[in-house]
Protein backbone atom coordinates (compact mmCIF):
# COMPACT_ATOMS: atom_id res chain seq x y z
CA MET A 1 154.89 -32.56 13.02
CA THR A 2 156.61 -35.89 13.43
CA GLY A 3 156.19 -38.69 10.48
CA ASP A 4 155.24 -35.29 8.92
CA MET A 5 151.76 -36.04 7.74
CA THR A 6 151.45 -34.13 4.81
CA GLY A 7 148.06 -33.78 2.81
CA ALA A 8 146.75 -34.66 6.31
CA GLY A 9 143.09 -32.87 4.57
CA ALA A 10 143.25 -35.02 2.36
CA GLU A 11 140.32 -37.67 1.67
CA GLN A 12 139.96 -40.17 4.45
CA ARG A 13 141.37 -44.29 3.65
CA PRO A 14 139.09 -45.69 1.89
CA THR A 15 137.91 -49.06 2.87
CA GLY A 16 140.43 -52.12 2.49
CA GLU A 17 143.48 -49.28 1.38
CA PRO A 18 146.80 -50.96 2.52
CA LEU A 19 147.58 -49.64 6.56
CA LEU A 20 150.65 -49.21 5.14
CA LYS A 21 151.98 -47.76 1.45
CA VAL A 22 155.20 -48.25 -0.23
CA ARG A 23 154.98 -46.68 -3.76
CA GLY A 24 158.50 -46.22 -6.31
CA LEU A 25 161.40 -47.09 -3.58
CA ASP A 26 164.83 -46.65 -4.61
CA LYS A 27 167.51 -46.49 -1.69
CA HIS A 28 171.19 -46.55 -3.16
CA PHE A 29 174.69 -46.80 -0.79
CA GLY A 30 176.98 -44.87 -2.84
CA PRO A 31 177.22 -46.44 -6.36
CA VAL A 32 174.89 -48.97 -5.34
CA GLN A 33 171.15 -49.98 -5.84
CA ALA A 34 169.96 -51.84 -3.04
CA LEU A 35 165.90 -51.30 -3.55
CA TYR A 36 164.41 -50.50 -7.27
CA HIS A 37 160.95 -49.61 -7.22
CA VAL A 38 159.63 -50.93 -4.66
CA ASP A 39 155.31 -51.09 -3.99
CA LEU A 40 154.32 -53.52 -0.99
CA ASP A 41 151.55 -53.71 0.57
CA LEU A 42 151.04 -54.18 4.23
CA PRO A 43 147.38 -54.12 5.26
CA SER A 44 145.60 -54.13 8.43
CA GLY A 45 144.79 -57.54 10.16
CA LYS A 46 146.84 -59.76 7.23
CA VAL A 47 150.04 -61.54 7.96
CA THR A 48 152.08 -60.63 5.04
CA ALA A 49 155.03 -62.48 4.53
CA LEU A 50 158.28 -61.06 3.04
CA CYS A 51 161.02 -63.86 1.57
CA GLY A 52 164.14 -63.36 -0.67
CA ASP A 53 167.55 -64.88 -0.86
CA ASN A 54 170.11 -63.44 1.20
CA GLY A 55 171.03 -59.58 -0.28
CA ALA A 56 167.49 -59.26 -2.23
CA GLY A 57 166.88 -56.30 0.11
CA LYS A 58 164.37 -57.13 2.55
CA SER A 59 166.21 -55.90 5.83
CA CYS A 60 167.25 -52.63 3.59
CA LEU A 61 163.14 -52.48 2.99
CA THR A 62 162.46 -53.43 6.35
CA LYS A 63 165.02 -50.27 7.77
CA CYS A 64 163.34 -48.12 5.16
CA ILE A 65 159.87 -48.58 6.50
CA SER A 66 161.35 -48.15 9.86
CA GLY A 67 163.29 -45.10 9.51
CA VAL A 68 166.34 -46.58 10.25
CA TYR A 69 167.52 -45.84 6.34
CA HIS A 70 166.02 -43.02 3.91
CA PRO A 71 164.91 -44.10 0.72
CA ASP A 72 166.38 -41.65 -1.99
CA ASP A 73 163.58 -42.10 -4.01
CA GLY A 74 159.39 -43.06 -3.90
CA GLN A 75 156.67 -42.75 -1.34
CA VAL A 76 155.27 -44.35 2.15
CA PHE A 77 152.00 -43.92 3.07
CA TRP A 78 150.17 -44.67 5.94
CA GLU A 79 146.42 -44.56 6.35
CA GLY A 80 146.25 -43.07 3.35
CA GLN A 81 148.20 -39.99 4.12
CA PRO A 82 151.73 -39.70 2.76
CA VAL A 83 154.62 -39.49 5.33
CA HIS A 84 158.28 -39.70 6.11
CA VAL A 85 159.41 -41.66 8.99
CA ARG A 86 162.72 -40.32 9.50
CA ASN A 87 163.43 -42.27 12.59
CA ALA A 88 162.48 -45.36 14.55
CA ARG A 89 160.39 -42.56 16.90
CA ASP A 90 159.14 -41.23 13.77
CA ALA A 91 157.82 -44.70 13.17
CA ALA A 92 156.76 -45.10 17.06
CA ARG A 93 154.33 -42.14 17.07
CA LEU A 94 153.15 -43.68 13.91
CA GLY A 95 152.63 -46.81 15.18
CA ILE A 96 154.66 -49.38 13.88
CA GLU A 97 157.85 -51.64 15.45
CA THR A 98 160.75 -54.00 14.90
CA VAL A 99 161.69 -56.79 15.68
CA TYR A 100 165.31 -57.66 15.24
CA GLN A 101 166.07 -60.98 14.56
CA ASP A 102 169.01 -59.85 17.80
CA LEU A 103 165.71 -59.00 19.57
CA ALA A 104 167.39 -56.27 21.31
CA LEU A 105 166.73 -57.70 24.50
CA ALA A 106 168.99 -56.64 28.00
CA ASP A 107 170.00 -59.81 29.74
CA ASN A 108 170.62 -58.06 32.70
CA LEU A 109 166.89 -56.58 33.04
CA ASP A 110 164.44 -58.38 33.66
CA ILE A 111 160.65 -58.76 31.35
CA VAL A 112 159.24 -55.53 33.32
CA GLN A 113 162.46 -53.67 32.69
CA ASN A 114 163.46 -54.83 29.35
CA MET A 115 159.35 -53.53 28.04
CA PHE A 116 159.69 -50.76 29.35
CA LEU A 117 162.82 -49.99 28.80
CA GLY A 118 163.68 -45.91 27.67
CA ARG A 119 159.73 -45.81 28.52
CA GLU A 120 159.62 -45.97 31.92
CA ARG A 121 156.11 -44.48 34.26
CA LEU A 122 156.91 -42.47 36.53
CA SER A 123 154.90 -41.29 39.66
CA ASN A 124 156.01 -38.87 42.02
CA GLY A 125 159.16 -38.24 40.24
CA LEU A 126 159.90 -42.59 41.37
CA LEU A 127 159.43 -45.76 39.00
CA ASP A 128 156.50 -46.92 38.80
CA GLU A 129 156.63 -50.46 39.42
CA ASP A 130 153.06 -52.14 40.07
CA SER A 131 151.89 -50.31 37.40
CA MET A 132 154.87 -51.51 34.86
CA GLU A 133 154.18 -54.41 36.57
CA ARG A 134 150.70 -54.29 35.91
CA ALA A 135 150.49 -53.27 32.41
CA ALA A 136 153.34 -56.16 31.44
CA GLY A 137 151.44 -58.84 33.47
CA GLU A 138 148.62 -57.59 31.02
CA THR A 139 149.68 -57.50 27.58
CA LEU A 140 151.84 -60.70 28.00
CA ALA A 141 147.94 -62.85 29.09
CA SER A 142 146.08 -60.71 25.82
CA LEU A 143 149.40 -62.50 23.40
CA ARG A 144 148.44 -65.44 25.27
CA VAL A 145 152.08 -65.86 26.30
CA THR A 146 152.03 -68.15 29.22
CA THR A 147 155.26 -70.22 29.64
CA VAL A 148 156.96 -67.70 31.86
CA ARG A 149 156.98 -67.89 35.07
CA SER A 150 157.43 -64.67 35.74
CA VAL A 151 157.17 -60.67 35.19
CA ARG A 152 160.17 -60.07 36.75
CA GLN A 153 162.07 -63.32 35.08
CA PRO A 154 165.76 -61.98 34.25
CA VAL A 155 165.30 -61.84 30.49
CA ALA A 156 168.85 -64.32 30.86
CA SER A 157 167.06 -67.25 31.75
CA LEU A 158 164.03 -67.54 28.58
CA SER A 159 164.45 -70.17 26.20
CA GLY A 160 164.84 -68.35 22.58
CA GLY A 161 160.77 -68.67 22.13
CA GLN A 162 159.86 -67.00 25.30
CA ARG A 163 162.84 -64.42 24.27
CA GLN A 164 160.43 -63.87 20.91
CA SER A 165 157.10 -63.53 22.77
CA VAL A 166 159.03 -60.73 24.88
CA ALA A 167 160.09 -58.59 22.44
CA VAL A 168 156.53 -59.07 20.68
CA ALA A 169 154.89 -58.01 24.00
CA LYS A 170 157.07 -55.04 24.55
CA ALA A 171 156.30 -54.12 20.43
CA VAL A 172 152.32 -54.31 21.02
CA MET A 173 152.23 -52.36 24.53
CA TRP A 174 152.63 -49.56 22.80
CA ASN A 175 149.49 -49.25 20.76
CA SER A 176 151.10 -50.23 17.27
CA LYS A 177 149.54 -51.19 14.02
CA LEU A 178 152.36 -52.59 12.06
CA VAL A 179 154.72 -55.00 14.26
CA ILE A 180 157.65 -55.95 11.48
CA MET A 181 159.29 -59.32 12.54
CA ASP A 182 162.63 -60.38 10.90
CA GLU A 183 163.17 -64.09 11.62
CA PRO A 184 161.33 -64.63 14.26
CA THR A 185 161.65 -68.17 14.13
CA ALA A 186 164.96 -68.23 13.25
CA ALA A 187 167.11 -71.45 15.88
CA LEU A 188 164.21 -72.15 17.56
CA GLY A 189 162.72 -75.53 18.21
CA VAL A 190 160.24 -77.08 17.11
CA VAL A 191 157.84 -76.31 20.08
CA GLN A 192 159.30 -72.61 20.82
CA THR A 193 158.32 -72.20 16.89
CA ARG A 194 154.65 -73.06 16.85
CA GLN A 195 154.25 -70.98 20.50
CA VAL A 196 156.06 -67.40 18.07
CA LEU A 197 153.62 -68.79 15.03
CA ASP A 198 150.32 -69.36 17.27
CA LEU A 199 151.89 -64.98 18.63
CA ILE A 200 152.14 -64.03 14.84
CA LYS A 201 148.67 -65.29 14.58
CA ARG A 202 147.29 -63.24 17.53
CA LEU A 203 148.58 -60.23 16.55
CA ARG A 204 146.76 -60.80 12.97
CA ASP A 205 143.58 -61.79 15.00
CA ARG A 206 143.64 -58.57 16.81
CA GLY A 207 143.28 -56.90 13.50
CA LEU A 208 147.42 -55.43 13.56
CA ALA A 209 149.63 -55.42 10.00
CA VAL A 210 152.55 -57.79 10.77
CA MET A 211 154.94 -58.23 7.82
CA VAL A 212 157.51 -61.05 8.63
CA ILE A 213 160.38 -61.68 7.05
CA SER A 214 161.90 -65.84 7.19
CA HIS A 215 163.77 -68.00 4.75
CA ASN A 216 160.90 -70.59 6.39
CA LEU A 217 158.66 -71.60 3.41
CA THR A 218 157.00 -74.09 5.32
CA ASP A 219 156.20 -71.30 8.45
CA VAL A 220 155.35 -68.80 5.49
CA PHE A 221 152.97 -70.85 3.70
CA GLU A 222 151.37 -71.65 7.70
CA VAL A 223 150.73 -67.92 9.16
CA ALA A 224 151.31 -65.45 5.95
CA ASP A 225 148.01 -64.42 4.34
CA ARG A 226 149.90 -62.37 1.70
CA ILE A 227 152.69 -62.84 -0.09
CA ALA A 228 156.00 -60.92 -0.92
CA VAL A 229 159.21 -61.55 -2.55
CA LEU A 230 162.37 -59.49 -3.40
CA TYR A 231 164.87 -60.53 -5.63
CA LEU A 232 167.81 -57.94 -6.72
CA GLY A 233 166.27 -55.16 -4.82
CA ARG A 234 163.22 -55.08 -7.25
CA LEU A 235 160.02 -56.71 -5.50
CA VAL A 236 158.74 -59.19 -7.96
CA VAL A 237 155.55 -60.43 -6.76
CA GLN A 238 152.89 -60.13 -4.54
CA ASP A 239 149.53 -61.54 -4.18
CA ASP A 240 147.30 -63.84 -1.83
CA THR A 241 149.50 -67.19 0.15
CA SER A 242 146.61 -68.67 -2.15
CA ALA A 243 148.28 -68.06 -5.87
CA PHE A 244 151.34 -69.69 -4.47
CA ASP A 245 152.55 -72.88 -4.05
CA LEU A 246 156.18 -73.37 -2.74
CA GLN A 247 158.17 -74.17 -5.87
CA LYS A 248 156.98 -70.99 -7.31
CA VAL A 249 158.26 -69.38 -4.43
CA VAL A 250 161.53 -70.33 -4.61
CA GLU A 251 161.34 -69.54 -8.45
CA TYR A 252 160.46 -65.95 -7.47
CA MET A 253 163.04 -66.14 -4.78
CA THR A 254 166.07 -67.42 -7.18
CA THR A 255 165.32 -66.59 -10.96
CA GLY A 256 162.92 -63.21 -10.10
CA GLY A 257 160.09 -64.82 -12.64
CA SER A 258 157.81 -67.71 -12.18
CA SER A 259 157.86 -70.95 -15.31
CA LEU A 260 154.34 -72.04 -13.80
CA THR A 261 151.19 -70.47 -14.08
CA ARG A 262 150.40 -66.41 -14.18
CA GLY A 263 148.17 -66.20 -11.26
CA ALA A 264 150.28 -64.95 -8.84
CA THR A 265 150.58 -60.81 -10.37
CA LYS A 266 152.44 -57.55 -9.24
CA GLU A 267 149.90 -56.10 -7.89
CA SER A 268 149.85 -52.44 -8.40
């Protein structure tokens, strides 16, 4: 079975158990170890911000979760069951969608064509344009994305914030349960950043688990319910956002520890 849902007959997920759990995850690239025994929880209905300096391992961890990289050791649990995500298709079938910083949108196609790229609907052997257009419009409306002029608007004509919104709508269209967003507000203006942060909150309010990778700590403190910090490949802390202030997060990012209070402790 795709996703390798081993242990499918095990006990059901207890109330409050994270949608996705990473335990003891290691990843090497030749002699270089990129991740060391990483434990991470991503609960439904919460925005978890993954923070860390350049080279801390954020992208590597993201790609291990989304099936781009294969961990060398450790285990990933999805809805309480151990899974092996071998590729992006396995991840999508579980309900994991990743919106990368480059957004992976085709400028020469319109919004509908982008949202259904590789997953086109057919009717009698032909593209079902009406069905796809209707579904794309409904998804954008449900996320309250109101700034695009038409779902037939070419992606090349969209602003940065609109492009991000389309990429997110494309991700949530496929019954996703976890949306991972890599630097979603990078290079956006104030108004566009506001649109994207509001969109992230709406994903959370719909009950999805959201992981946001971001260097912008102002955005993190506005939108995140939880903060996890990687330092040189190790996840050094994860806790509710209320356990942190900006200085403490910066200390964890730059030194791997905090000289302040010990209120934010690593969860097991």
